[in-house]
N, C-alpha and C. Protein backbone atom coordinates (compact mmCIF):
# COMPACT_ATOMS: atom_id res chain seq x y z
N UNK A 1 286.67 98.93 -15.05
CA UNK A 1 287.47 99.10 -14.01
C UNK A 1 288.80 99.84 -14.53
N UNK A 2 289.35 100.84 -13.90
CA UNK A 2 290.50 101.56 -14.27
C UNK A 2 291.81 100.74 -14.09
N UNK A 3 292.93 101.06 -14.76
CA UNK A 3 294.21 100.45 -14.64
C UNK A 3 294.58 100.49 -13.12
N UNK A 4 294.44 101.65 -12.53
CA UNK A 4 294.79 101.84 -11.13
C UNK A 4 293.98 100.87 -10.26
N UNK A 5 292.70 100.75 -10.45
CA UNK A 5 291.88 99.85 -9.53
C UNK A 5 292.27 98.37 -9.86
N UNK A 6 292.60 98.03 -11.11
CA UNK A 6 293.03 96.66 -11.39
C UNK A 6 294.40 96.31 -10.58
N UNK A 7 295.26 97.34 -10.68
CA UNK A 7 296.61 97.18 -9.96
C UNK A 7 296.34 97.00 -8.44
N UNK A 8 295.51 97.89 -7.94
CA UNK A 8 295.25 97.82 -6.48
C UNK A 8 294.60 96.42 -6.08
N UNK A 9 293.60 95.99 -6.81
CA UNK A 9 292.99 94.76 -6.65
C UNK A 9 294.01 93.66 -6.70
N UNK A 10 294.93 93.77 -7.52
CA UNK A 10 295.85 92.58 -7.78
C UNK A 10 296.80 92.56 -6.47
N UNK A 11 297.13 93.76 -6.07
CA UNK A 11 298.02 93.85 -4.84
C UNK A 11 297.28 93.23 -3.60
N UNK A 12 296.00 93.51 -3.51
CA UNK A 12 295.21 93.12 -2.25
C UNK A 12 295.06 91.53 -2.52
N UNK A 13 294.94 90.99 -3.58
CA UNK A 13 294.65 89.50 -3.91
C UNK A 13 295.87 88.64 -3.71
N UNK A 14 297.04 89.25 -3.72
CA UNK A 14 298.22 88.43 -3.56
C UNK A 14 298.98 88.77 -2.26
N UNK A 15 299.87 87.89 -1.94
CA UNK A 15 300.49 87.90 -0.69
C UNK A 15 302.08 88.03 -0.51
N UNK A 16 302.66 87.61 -1.70
CA UNK A 16 304.10 87.40 -1.72
C UNK A 16 304.69 88.33 -2.83
N UNK A 17 305.70 89.00 -2.36
CA UNK A 17 306.52 89.83 -3.48
C UNK A 17 307.83 89.18 -3.54
N UNK A 18 308.60 89.40 -4.63
CA UNK A 18 309.93 89.12 -4.74
C UNK A 18 310.62 90.38 -4.81
N UNK A 19 311.57 90.67 -3.79
CA UNK A 19 312.28 91.92 -3.59
C UNK A 19 313.64 91.70 -4.11
N UNK A 20 314.11 92.65 -5.00
CA UNK A 20 315.51 92.54 -5.58
C UNK A 20 316.25 93.76 -4.97
N UNK A 21 317.41 93.41 -4.48
CA UNK A 21 318.32 94.45 -3.84
C UNK A 21 319.71 94.41 -4.40
N UNK A 22 320.59 95.39 -4.03
CA UNK A 22 321.92 95.31 -4.56
C UNK A 22 322.68 95.74 -3.45
N UNK A 23 323.87 95.04 -3.17
CA UNK A 23 324.93 95.37 -2.12
C UNK A 23 326.19 94.84 -2.53
N UNK A 24 327.16 94.88 -1.50
CA UNK A 24 328.52 94.51 -1.68
C UNK A 24 328.74 93.06 -2.34
N UNK A 25 327.79 92.30 -2.11
CA UNK A 25 327.94 90.94 -2.61
C UNK A 25 327.21 90.67 -3.98
N UNK A 26 326.63 91.79 -4.43
CA UNK A 26 326.03 91.71 -5.82
C UNK A 26 324.47 91.89 -5.58
N UNK A 27 323.82 91.37 -6.58
CA UNK A 27 322.33 91.50 -6.59
C UNK A 27 321.70 90.20 -5.70
N UNK A 28 320.49 90.52 -5.27
CA UNK A 28 319.86 89.55 -4.48
C UNK A 28 318.36 89.57 -4.47
N UNK A 29 317.69 88.55 -4.44
CA UNK A 29 316.13 88.52 -4.51
C UNK A 29 315.56 87.70 -3.34
N UNK A 30 314.57 88.23 -2.70
CA UNK A 30 313.94 87.57 -1.59
C UNK A 30 312.51 87.57 -1.67
N UNK A 31 311.85 86.42 -1.42
CA UNK A 31 310.33 86.36 -1.35
C UNK A 31 309.89 86.84 -0.05
N UNK A 32 308.91 87.65 0.06
CA UNK A 32 308.40 88.25 1.36
C UNK A 32 306.94 88.37 1.29
N UNK A 33 306.37 87.93 2.42
CA UNK A 33 304.96 88.31 2.58
C UNK A 33 304.84 89.92 2.70
N UNK A 34 303.72 90.45 2.26
CA UNK A 34 303.45 91.80 2.30
C UNK A 34 302.02 92.19 2.59
N UNK A 35 301.80 93.43 3.09
CA UNK A 35 300.52 94.03 3.17
C UNK A 35 300.53 95.27 2.54
N UNK A 36 299.46 95.78 2.06
CA UNK A 36 299.50 97.04 1.18
C UNK A 36 298.49 98.02 1.79
N UNK A 37 298.85 99.28 1.42
CA UNK A 37 297.90 100.33 1.73
C UNK A 37 297.97 101.28 0.44
N UNK A 38 297.00 101.34 -0.34
CA UNK A 38 297.15 102.01 -1.65
C UNK A 38 298.48 101.22 -2.37
N UNK A 39 299.38 101.98 -2.74
CA UNK A 39 300.50 101.34 -3.37
C UNK A 39 301.71 101.18 -2.45
N UNK A 40 301.53 101.62 -1.25
CA UNK A 40 302.64 101.38 -0.33
C UNK A 40 302.57 99.88 0.17
N UNK A 41 303.78 99.18 0.22
CA UNK A 41 303.82 97.83 0.59
C UNK A 41 304.66 97.75 1.92
N UNK A 42 304.23 96.88 2.79
CA UNK A 42 304.80 96.72 4.07
C UNK A 42 305.26 95.23 4.24
N UNK A 43 306.45 95.10 4.74
CA UNK A 43 306.96 93.75 5.11
C UNK A 43 307.77 93.75 6.37
N UNK A 44 307.94 92.68 6.92
CA UNK A 44 308.85 92.50 8.07
C UNK A 44 309.96 91.66 7.63
N UNK A 45 311.15 91.78 8.35
CA UNK A 45 312.30 91.01 8.16
C UNK A 45 313.32 91.35 9.18
N UNK A 46 314.26 90.32 9.30
CA UNK A 46 315.40 90.58 10.29
C UNK A 46 316.34 91.58 9.64
N UNK A 47 316.84 92.54 10.37
CA UNK A 47 317.73 93.55 9.82
C UNK A 47 319.09 92.87 9.56
N UNK A 48 319.32 91.61 9.85
CA UNK A 48 320.65 90.90 9.63
C UNK A 48 320.57 90.17 8.26
N UNK A 49 319.40 90.06 7.67
CA UNK A 49 319.29 89.42 6.34
C UNK A 49 319.98 90.08 5.31
N UNK A 50 320.54 89.36 4.23
CA UNK A 50 321.22 89.96 3.15
C UNK A 50 320.42 91.10 2.53
N UNK A 51 319.09 90.87 2.18
CA UNK A 51 318.33 91.96 1.49
C UNK A 51 318.18 93.13 2.49
N UNK A 52 318.07 93.04 3.81
CA UNK A 52 317.99 94.22 4.67
C UNK A 52 319.40 94.96 4.77
N UNK A 53 320.36 94.22 4.85
CA UNK A 53 321.68 94.81 4.83
C UNK A 53 321.97 95.61 3.49
N UNK A 54 321.38 95.00 2.41
CA UNK A 54 321.56 95.67 1.05
C UNK A 54 320.76 97.03 1.14
N UNK A 55 319.45 96.97 1.79
CA UNK A 55 318.67 98.15 1.71
C UNK A 55 319.30 99.13 2.65
N UNK A 56 319.95 98.81 3.65
CA UNK A 56 320.56 99.84 4.48
C UNK A 56 321.67 100.56 3.71
N UNK A 57 322.37 99.94 2.81
CA UNK A 57 323.36 100.58 2.05
C UNK A 57 322.83 101.34 0.86
N UNK A 58 321.66 100.83 0.19
CA UNK A 58 321.11 101.34 -0.95
C UNK A 58 319.62 101.08 -0.98
N UNK A 59 318.73 101.96 -0.47
CA UNK A 59 317.31 101.71 -0.48
C UNK A 59 316.57 101.47 -1.65
N UNK A 60 317.21 101.75 -2.82
CA UNK A 60 316.50 101.58 -4.09
C UNK A 60 316.29 100.02 -4.39
N UNK A 61 315.12 99.67 -4.71
CA UNK A 61 314.82 98.23 -4.97
C UNK A 61 313.96 98.05 -6.21
N UNK A 62 313.80 96.79 -6.58
CA UNK A 62 312.91 96.40 -7.63
C UNK A 62 312.01 95.29 -6.97
N UNK A 63 310.82 95.15 -7.28
CA UNK A 63 309.96 94.14 -6.78
C UNK A 63 309.02 93.64 -7.86
N UNK A 64 308.61 92.28 -7.80
CA UNK A 64 307.56 91.75 -8.61
C UNK A 64 306.61 91.08 -7.80
N UNK A 65 305.36 90.98 -8.29
CA UNK A 65 304.26 90.29 -7.61
C UNK A 65 303.50 89.51 -8.72
N UNK A 66 303.52 88.22 -8.71
CA UNK A 66 302.87 87.47 -9.73
C UNK A 66 302.64 86.11 -9.17
N UNK A 67 302.04 85.18 -10.00
CA UNK A 67 301.79 83.81 -9.59
C UNK A 67 302.26 82.85 -10.67
N UNK A 68 302.19 81.62 -10.48
CA UNK A 68 302.55 80.65 -11.58
C UNK A 68 301.28 80.50 -12.42
N UNK A 69 301.64 80.61 -13.76
CA UNK A 69 300.55 80.37 -14.70
C UNK A 69 300.91 79.30 -15.62
N UNK A 70 300.10 78.37 -16.04
CA UNK A 70 300.30 77.39 -16.94
C UNK A 70 300.38 77.77 -18.46
N UNK A 71 299.72 78.92 -18.81
CA UNK A 71 299.53 79.48 -20.03
C UNK A 71 300.09 80.83 -20.05
N UNK A 72 301.06 81.12 -21.00
CA UNK A 72 301.66 82.46 -21.03
C UNK A 72 300.63 83.59 -21.42
N UNK A 73 299.50 83.19 -22.00
CA UNK A 73 298.50 84.18 -22.28
C UNK A 73 297.77 84.64 -21.09
N UNK A 74 297.96 83.98 -19.92
CA UNK A 74 297.17 84.23 -18.72
C UNK A 74 298.13 85.07 -17.85
N UNK A 75 299.37 85.30 -18.06
CA UNK A 75 300.30 85.93 -17.20
C UNK A 75 299.87 87.42 -16.88
N UNK A 76 299.78 87.70 -15.58
CA UNK A 76 299.56 89.05 -15.10
C UNK A 76 300.44 89.25 -13.91
N UNK A 77 300.81 90.47 -13.64
CA UNK A 77 301.62 90.71 -12.46
C UNK A 77 301.89 92.21 -12.42
N UNK A 78 302.73 92.50 -11.32
CA UNK A 78 303.14 93.86 -11.01
C UNK A 78 304.71 93.89 -11.00
N UNK A 79 305.18 94.95 -11.60
CA UNK A 79 306.56 95.32 -11.57
C UNK A 79 306.85 96.58 -10.92
N UNK A 80 307.68 96.71 -9.80
CA UNK A 80 307.82 97.97 -9.16
C UNK A 80 309.29 98.32 -9.09
N UNK A 81 309.51 99.75 -9.23
CA UNK A 81 310.71 100.34 -8.83
C UNK A 81 310.46 101.18 -7.68
N UNK A 82 311.25 101.20 -6.69
CA UNK A 82 310.98 102.03 -5.49
C UNK A 82 312.06 102.10 -4.43
N UNK A 83 311.69 102.65 -3.30
CA UNK A 83 312.60 102.77 -2.22
C UNK A 83 312.00 102.20 -0.86
N UNK A 84 312.92 101.60 -0.12
CA UNK A 84 312.50 100.97 1.12
C UNK A 84 312.95 101.83 2.28
N UNK A 85 312.20 101.99 3.24
CA UNK A 85 312.48 102.68 4.48
C UNK A 85 312.12 101.76 5.68
N UNK A 86 312.86 101.90 6.83
CA UNK A 86 312.39 101.22 8.07
C UNK A 86 311.30 102.03 8.66
N UNK A 87 310.29 101.38 9.15
CA UNK A 87 309.12 101.99 9.78
C UNK A 87 309.48 102.04 11.27
N UNK A 88 309.23 103.20 11.86
CA UNK A 88 309.43 103.39 13.32
C UNK A 88 308.27 104.13 13.92
N UNK A 89 308.27 104.13 15.22
CA UNK A 89 307.27 105.05 15.90
C UNK A 89 305.80 104.57 15.84
N UNK A 90 304.85 105.44 15.91
CA UNK A 90 303.46 105.16 15.92
C UNK A 90 303.05 104.61 14.53
N UNK A 91 303.74 104.93 13.51
CA UNK A 91 303.34 104.25 12.18
C UNK A 91 303.29 102.75 12.22
N UNK A 92 304.24 102.25 13.11
CA UNK A 92 304.40 100.75 13.20
C UNK A 92 303.06 99.96 13.66
N UNK A 93 302.31 100.70 14.43
CA UNK A 93 301.08 100.23 15.05
C UNK A 93 300.12 99.83 13.95
N UNK A 94 299.99 101.02 13.03
CA UNK A 94 298.91 100.81 11.93
C UNK A 94 299.37 99.65 10.87
N UNK A 95 300.73 99.55 10.72
CA UNK A 95 301.28 98.69 9.83
C UNK A 95 301.07 97.28 10.40
N UNK A 96 301.35 97.22 11.67
CA UNK A 96 301.17 95.81 12.23
C UNK A 96 299.67 95.34 12.21
N UNK A 97 298.74 96.23 12.38
CA UNK A 97 297.35 95.93 12.37
C UNK A 97 296.97 95.54 10.88
N UNK A 98 297.50 96.22 9.91
CA UNK A 98 297.18 95.96 8.61
C UNK A 98 297.75 94.50 8.16
N UNK A 99 299.00 94.25 8.66
CA UNK A 99 299.60 93.10 8.27
C UNK A 99 298.94 91.76 8.95
N UNK A 100 298.63 92.04 10.12
CA UNK A 100 297.97 90.84 10.97
C UNK A 100 296.62 90.74 10.45
N UNK A 101 295.92 91.63 9.82
CA UNK A 101 294.52 91.49 9.23
C UNK A 101 294.72 90.66 7.94
N UNK A 102 295.81 90.84 7.23
CA UNK A 102 296.03 90.11 6.04
C UNK A 102 296.57 88.59 6.26
N UNK A 103 297.33 88.62 7.44
CA UNK A 103 297.93 87.35 7.76
C UNK A 103 297.43 86.99 9.26
N UNK A 104 296.23 86.54 9.46
CA UNK A 104 295.68 86.22 10.74
C UNK A 104 296.41 85.17 11.53
N UNK A 105 297.17 84.29 10.96
CA UNK A 105 297.81 83.28 11.54
C UNK A 105 298.99 83.86 12.53
N UNK A 106 299.35 85.11 12.23
CA UNK A 106 300.28 85.67 13.23
C UNK A 106 299.68 85.94 14.47
N UNK A 107 298.36 86.42 14.50
CA UNK A 107 297.72 86.67 15.87
C UNK A 107 297.33 85.36 16.60
N UNK A 108 297.44 84.23 15.87
CA UNK A 108 297.01 82.92 16.43
C UNK A 108 298.15 82.36 17.29
N UNK A 109 299.45 82.87 17.18
CA UNK A 109 300.60 82.38 17.76
C UNK A 109 300.49 82.80 19.26
N UNK A 110 301.10 81.95 20.07
CA UNK A 110 301.06 82.26 21.47
C UNK A 110 301.78 83.62 21.70
N UNK A 111 301.31 84.45 22.79
CA UNK A 111 301.97 85.70 23.05
C UNK A 111 303.52 85.68 23.15
N UNK A 112 303.94 84.61 23.82
CA UNK A 112 305.48 84.62 23.99
C UNK A 112 306.15 84.30 22.64
N UNK A 113 305.49 83.54 21.77
CA UNK A 113 306.15 83.27 20.45
C UNK A 113 306.19 84.53 19.64
N UNK A 114 305.18 85.42 19.65
CA UNK A 114 305.06 86.59 18.92
C UNK A 114 306.07 87.56 19.44
N UNK A 115 306.19 87.64 20.79
CA UNK A 115 307.08 88.66 21.49
C UNK A 115 308.53 88.27 21.01
N UNK A 116 308.81 87.02 21.12
CA UNK A 116 310.16 86.65 20.71
C UNK A 116 310.52 86.99 19.26
N UNK A 117 309.51 86.62 18.37
CA UNK A 117 309.81 86.82 16.90
C UNK A 117 309.92 88.39 16.68
N UNK A 118 309.10 89.06 17.29
CA UNK A 118 309.07 90.54 17.08
C UNK A 118 310.26 91.22 17.59
N UNK A 119 310.84 90.77 18.54
CA UNK A 119 312.21 91.31 18.98
C UNK A 119 313.42 91.28 18.03
N UNK A 120 313.31 90.41 17.03
CA UNK A 120 314.33 90.21 16.03
C UNK A 120 314.06 90.68 14.75
N UNK A 121 313.00 91.43 14.53
CA UNK A 121 312.56 91.99 13.18
C UNK A 121 312.41 93.50 13.16
N UNK A 122 312.36 94.04 11.94
CA UNK A 122 312.12 95.43 11.69
C UNK A 122 310.96 95.34 10.70
N UNK A 123 310.21 96.54 10.73
CA UNK A 123 309.11 96.70 9.67
C UNK A 123 309.75 97.63 8.64
N UNK A 124 309.18 97.30 7.39
CA UNK A 124 309.75 98.16 6.27
C UNK A 124 308.64 98.54 5.44
N UNK A 125 308.76 99.72 4.82
CA UNK A 125 307.79 100.21 3.78
C UNK A 125 308.51 100.42 2.53
N UNK A 126 307.89 99.74 1.51
CA UNK A 126 308.36 99.99 0.09
C UNK A 126 307.35 100.96 -0.65
N UNK A 127 308.02 102.14 -1.01
CA UNK A 127 307.26 103.15 -1.64
C UNK A 127 307.58 103.07 -3.10
N UNK A 128 306.58 102.76 -4.01
CA UNK A 128 306.92 102.72 -5.40
C UNK A 128 307.19 104.08 -6.10
N UNK A 129 308.30 104.12 -6.84
CA UNK A 129 308.37 105.37 -7.69
C UNK A 129 307.88 105.16 -9.06
N UNK A 130 307.88 103.82 -9.54
CA UNK A 130 307.14 103.51 -10.73
C UNK A 130 306.60 102.12 -10.51
N UNK A 131 305.45 101.95 -11.23
CA UNK A 131 304.74 100.63 -11.10
C UNK A 131 304.11 100.29 -12.40
N UNK A 132 304.31 99.08 -12.79
CA UNK A 132 303.71 98.63 -14.08
C UNK A 132 302.82 97.44 -13.88
N UNK A 133 301.73 97.36 -14.54
CA UNK A 133 300.91 96.17 -14.56
C UNK A 133 301.09 95.34 -15.85
N UNK A 134 301.30 94.14 -15.72
CA UNK A 134 301.57 93.24 -16.86
C UNK A 134 300.24 92.34 -17.07
N UNK A 135 299.81 92.36 -18.46
CA UNK A 135 298.59 91.57 -18.58
C UNK A 135 298.77 91.00 -20.05
N UNK A 136 299.28 89.73 -20.05
CA UNK A 136 299.38 89.06 -21.42
C UNK A 136 298.08 88.58 -21.93
N UNK A 137 296.98 88.72 -21.28
CA UNK A 137 295.67 88.41 -21.87
C UNK A 137 295.31 89.46 -22.94
N UNK A 138 296.00 90.61 -22.77
CA UNK A 138 295.69 91.65 -23.88
C UNK A 138 296.60 91.27 -25.10
N UNK A 139 297.94 91.02 -24.85
CA UNK A 139 298.92 90.65 -25.80
C UNK A 139 300.19 90.25 -25.07
N UNK A 140 301.03 89.41 -25.76
CA UNK A 140 302.22 89.01 -25.10
C UNK A 140 303.14 90.26 -24.80
N UNK A 141 303.60 90.32 -23.61
CA UNK A 141 304.40 91.40 -23.09
C UNK A 141 303.67 92.68 -22.79
N UNK A 142 302.33 92.75 -22.83
CA UNK A 142 301.67 93.83 -22.52
C UNK A 142 301.93 94.46 -21.03
N UNK A 143 302.43 95.64 -21.10
CA UNK A 143 302.80 96.15 -19.73
C UNK A 143 302.51 97.69 -19.85
N UNK A 144 301.76 98.18 -18.83
CA UNK A 144 301.31 99.48 -18.73
C UNK A 144 301.62 100.19 -17.50
N UNK A 145 302.25 101.40 -17.51
CA UNK A 145 302.62 102.01 -16.28
C UNK A 145 301.35 102.63 -15.56
N UNK A 146 301.29 102.33 -14.37
CA UNK A 146 300.19 102.83 -13.53
C UNK A 146 300.70 104.16 -12.95
N UNK A 147 299.93 105.29 -13.13
CA UNK A 147 300.31 106.53 -12.70
C UNK A 147 299.91 106.64 -11.08
N UNK A 148 301.02 106.74 -10.24
CA UNK A 148 300.79 106.65 -8.86
C UNK A 148 300.23 107.79 -8.19
N UNK A 149 300.31 109.03 -8.85
CA UNK A 149 299.98 110.23 -8.29
C UNK A 149 298.43 110.62 -8.66
N UNK A 150 297.88 109.74 -9.46
CA UNK A 150 296.51 110.12 -9.77
C UNK A 150 295.46 109.24 -9.20
N UNK A 151 294.22 109.59 -9.02
CA UNK A 151 293.16 108.77 -8.59
C UNK A 151 292.32 108.09 -9.70
N UNK A 152 292.62 108.42 -10.96
CA UNK A 152 291.77 107.79 -12.00
C UNK A 152 292.43 106.55 -12.68
């Protein structure tokens, strides 16, 4: 399996990213559910949150995706540098479909609950400019950049 395929599989297998932003109050990190399409990551959030306010003033972000490991030799994860944009228009429909497919509990909510929740959020897209796959099973600190523009 290629590095690209391993990274994509890792993104599909996990659900939460930690998003780091910067704003007037300094740096901030937020855990967020995400859905992905290739290396594009989609999340929803209230535009009034600190991380969304930071994104509005500076869309450059960093993100990590990982899980808790008991043994440092098992650590694997993704590190991302990228930019976040608000998703609007018809693109939202495909993102919502992808998100609810990954998180079916959203569709199980009563229609009024969903409608009320959706009135207070925005959809966002994180487009990586650089992405690294960490794999300590190879050696401590092993980190390889995934080439985002290639298919191999």
